[in-house]
Amino acid sequence: MAKQPEQDSIFDMFARFGSDMKLPKMDVEAVLSHHRKNLEALEKSARAAASGASSVMAMQREALRQTLSEIAEMTRSYRGPGDSQDFVTKQAEFARKSFEAAVKNAGEISDIVRKSGTEAVDILRERVEEAVKEVRSGMENRDKPR
């Protein structure tokens, strides 16, 4: 049986293609490292955003639990027919507390969303700045005489 020639790796094929086309040699490990750093930054950014989303969900769950608890307490304190003025006062107090809690929770949630969004964007911005420096450095090193 005839022995089949060994197949070149994809990197070998690209290297041969580049040399045939007289393209400058490329440091494959540097390119892989560059993209690895990009993926790591994306992962870190996604984790920061997910952490913020988890915090928002926890706050919303707690706010709902608190509201349901207050509704249950208001229902228990309602004694049926009696002083209508007292009932209206309790309803108004409940509405006021609910509104204040909703405003407070909305403010806290917006802070969490803003902070996690800013953190996620900062991670990506830092990586873009590093990538630009890496590309510049690579271009400068390429242009230097050997």
Protein backbone atom coordinates (compact mmCIF):
# COMPACT_ATOMS: atom_id res chain seq x y z
CA MET A 1 0.00 0.00 0.00
CA ALA A 2 1.35 3.41 -0.92
CA LYS A 3 2.20 5.71 1.94
CA GLN A 4 0.18 8.93 1.87
CA PRO A 5 2.12 12.14 2.28
CA GLU A 6 1.71 13.87 5.63
CA GLN A 7 -0.75 16.71 5.54
CA ASP A 8 0.40 20.15 6.56
CA SER A 9 -1.26 21.84 9.51
CA ILE A 10 -3.43 24.85 8.82
CA PHE A 11 -0.67 27.04 10.26
CA ASP A 12 1.88 25.51 7.87
CA MET A 13 -0.43 26.10 4.93
CA PHE A 14 -0.92 29.76 5.89
CA ALA A 15 2.81 30.22 6.48
CA ARG A 16 3.59 28.73 3.04
CA PHE A 17 0.85 30.86 1.47
CA GLY A 18 2.31 33.97 3.14
CA SER A 19 5.83 33.21 2.00
CA ASP A 20 4.65 32.42 -1.55
CA MET A 21 2.87 35.79 -1.62
CA LYS A 22 5.94 37.49 -0.10
CA LEU A 23 3.92 38.61 2.93
CA PRO A 24 5.82 39.56 6.11
CA LYS A 25 6.19 36.71 8.58
CA MET A 26 3.65 36.63 11.35
CA ASP A 27 4.15 35.60 14.95
CA VAL A 28 1.27 33.13 15.31
CA GLU A 29 1.74 32.83 19.07
CA ALA A 30 1.46 36.62 19.43
CA VAL A 31 -1.76 36.62 17.39
CA LEU A 32 -3.21 33.79 19.48
CA SER A 33 -2.18 35.55 22.68
CA HIS A 34 -3.82 38.75 21.45
CA HIS A 35 -7.12 36.98 20.76
CA ARG A 36 -6.91 35.03 24.01
CA LYS A 37 -6.70 38.33 25.88
CA ASN A 38 -9.71 39.62 23.92
CA LEU A 39 -11.76 36.58 24.90
CA GLU A 40 -10.67 36.87 28.54
CA ALA A 41 -11.76 40.53 28.58
CA LEU A 42 -15.14 39.61 27.06
CA GLU A 43 -15.60 36.90 29.68
CA LYS A 44 -14.69 39.26 32.53
CA SER A 45 -17.05 41.92 31.15
CA ALA A 46 -19.89 39.41 30.85
CA ARG A 47 -19.30 38.27 34.44
CA ALA A 48 -19.51 41.88 35.66
CA ALA A 49 -22.77 42.42 33.78
CA ALA A 50 -24.20 39.11 35.03
CA SER A 51 -23.26 39.98 38.59
CA GLY A 52 -25.19 43.23 38.29
CA ALA A 53 -28.20 41.39 36.85
CA SER A 54 -28.10 38.91 39.75
CA SER A 55 -28.04 41.76 42.25
CA VAL A 56 -31.00 43.42 40.54
CA MET A 57 -32.97 40.18 40.60
CA ALA A 58 -32.21 39.70 44.31
CA MET A 59 -33.35 43.24 45.09
CA GLN A 60 -36.54 42.81 43.09
CA ARG A 61 -37.25 39.48 44.82
CA GLU A 62 -36.75 41.11 48.24
CA ALA A 63 -38.95 44.08 47.30
CA LEU A 64 -41.71 41.72 46.20
CA ARG A 65 -41.38 39.69 49.40
CA GLN A 66 -41.58 42.87 51.50
CA THR A 67 -44.63 44.15 49.57
CA LEU A 68 -46.46 40.83 49.93
CA SER A 69 -45.64 40.80 53.64
CA GLU A 70 -47.08 44.32 54.05
CA ILE A 71 -50.22 43.38 52.10
CA ALA A 72 -50.67 40.31 54.32
CA GLU A 73 -50.23 42.48 57.44
CA MET A 74 -52.73 45.03 56.16
CA THR A 75 -55.21 42.25 55.39
CA ARG A 76 -54.82 40.77 58.89
CA SER A 77 -55.34 44.17 60.49
CA TYR A 78 -58.57 44.73 58.57
CA ARG A 79 -61.39 43.82 60.93
CA GLY A 80 -64.37 44.01 58.66
CA PRO A 81 -67.10 46.61 58.99
CA GLY A 82 -66.03 49.30 61.37
CA ASP A 83 -64.55 52.74 61.22
CA SER A 84 -64.23 53.61 57.53
CA GLN A 85 -61.95 56.57 58.32
CA ASP A 86 -59.47 54.21 59.98
CA PHE A 87 -59.59 51.89 56.97
CA VAL A 88 -58.95 54.74 54.53
CA THR A 89 -56.09 55.99 56.71
CA LYS A 90 -54.47 52.52 56.72
CA GLN A 91 -54.86 52.25 52.94
CA ALA A 92 -53.30 55.68 52.43
CA GLU A 93 -50.41 54.78 54.75
CA PHE A 94 -49.87 51.53 52.86
CA ALA A 95 -49.92 53.36 49.51
CA ARG A 96 -47.44 55.95 50.81
CA LYS A 97 -45.05 53.27 52.14
CA SER A 98 -45.34 51.28 48.91
CA PHE A 99 -44.57 54.35 46.80
CA GLU A 100 -41.57 55.31 48.96
CA ALA A 101 -40.23 51.75 48.82
CA ALA A 102 -40.69 51.62 45.03
CA VAL A 103 -38.82 54.90 44.56
CA LYS A 104 -36.01 53.77 46.90
CA ASN A 105 -35.72 50.38 45.16
CA ALA A 106 -35.75 51.97 41.71
CA GLY A 107 -32.89 54.25 42.75
CA GLU A 108 -30.85 51.37 44.18
CA ILE A 109 -31.50 49.21 41.12
CA SER A 110 -30.47 52.00 38.76
CA ASP A 111 -27.24 52.42 40.76
CA ILE A 112 -26.47 48.70 40.48
CA VAL A 113 -27.23 48.67 36.74
CA ARG A 114 -25.11 51.78 36.18
CA LYS A 115 -22.17 50.42 38.20
CA SER A 116 -22.17 46.97 36.59
CA GLY A 117 -22.61 48.49 33.13
CA THR A 118 -19.78 50.93 33.73
CA GLU A 119 -17.55 48.14 35.04
CA ALA A 120 -18.31 45.94 32.01
CA VAL A 121 -17.60 48.78 29.58
CA ASP A 122 -14.42 49.77 31.44
CA ILE A 123 -13.09 46.22 31.13
CA LEU A 124 -13.66 46.27 27.37
CA ARG A 125 -12.27 49.81 27.01
CA GLU A 126 -9.08 48.81 28.83
CA ARG A 127 -8.69 45.79 26.54
CA VAL A 128 -9.17 47.92 23.43
CA GLU A 129 -6.48 50.33 24.67
CA GLU A 130 -4.12 47.39 25.32
CA ALA A 131 -4.88 45.94 21.88
CA VAL A 132 -4.09 49.25 20.19
CA LYS A 133 -0.76 49.39 22.04
CA GLU A 134 -0.01 45.79 21.02
CA VAL A 135 -0.78 46.53 17.38
CA ARG A 136 1.35 49.69 17.44
CA SER A 137 4.21 47.80 19.04
CA GLY A 138 3.90 45.06 16.44
CA MET A 139 3.93 47.58 13.62
CA GLU A 140 6.97 49.38 15.08
CA ASN A 141 8.84 46.09 15.51
CA ARG A 142 7.99 45.08 11.96
CA ASP A 143 9.33 48.34 10.55
CA LYS A 144 12.68 48.05 12.40
CA PRO A 145 15.56 46.82 10.27
CA ARG A 146 16.81 43.36 11.17
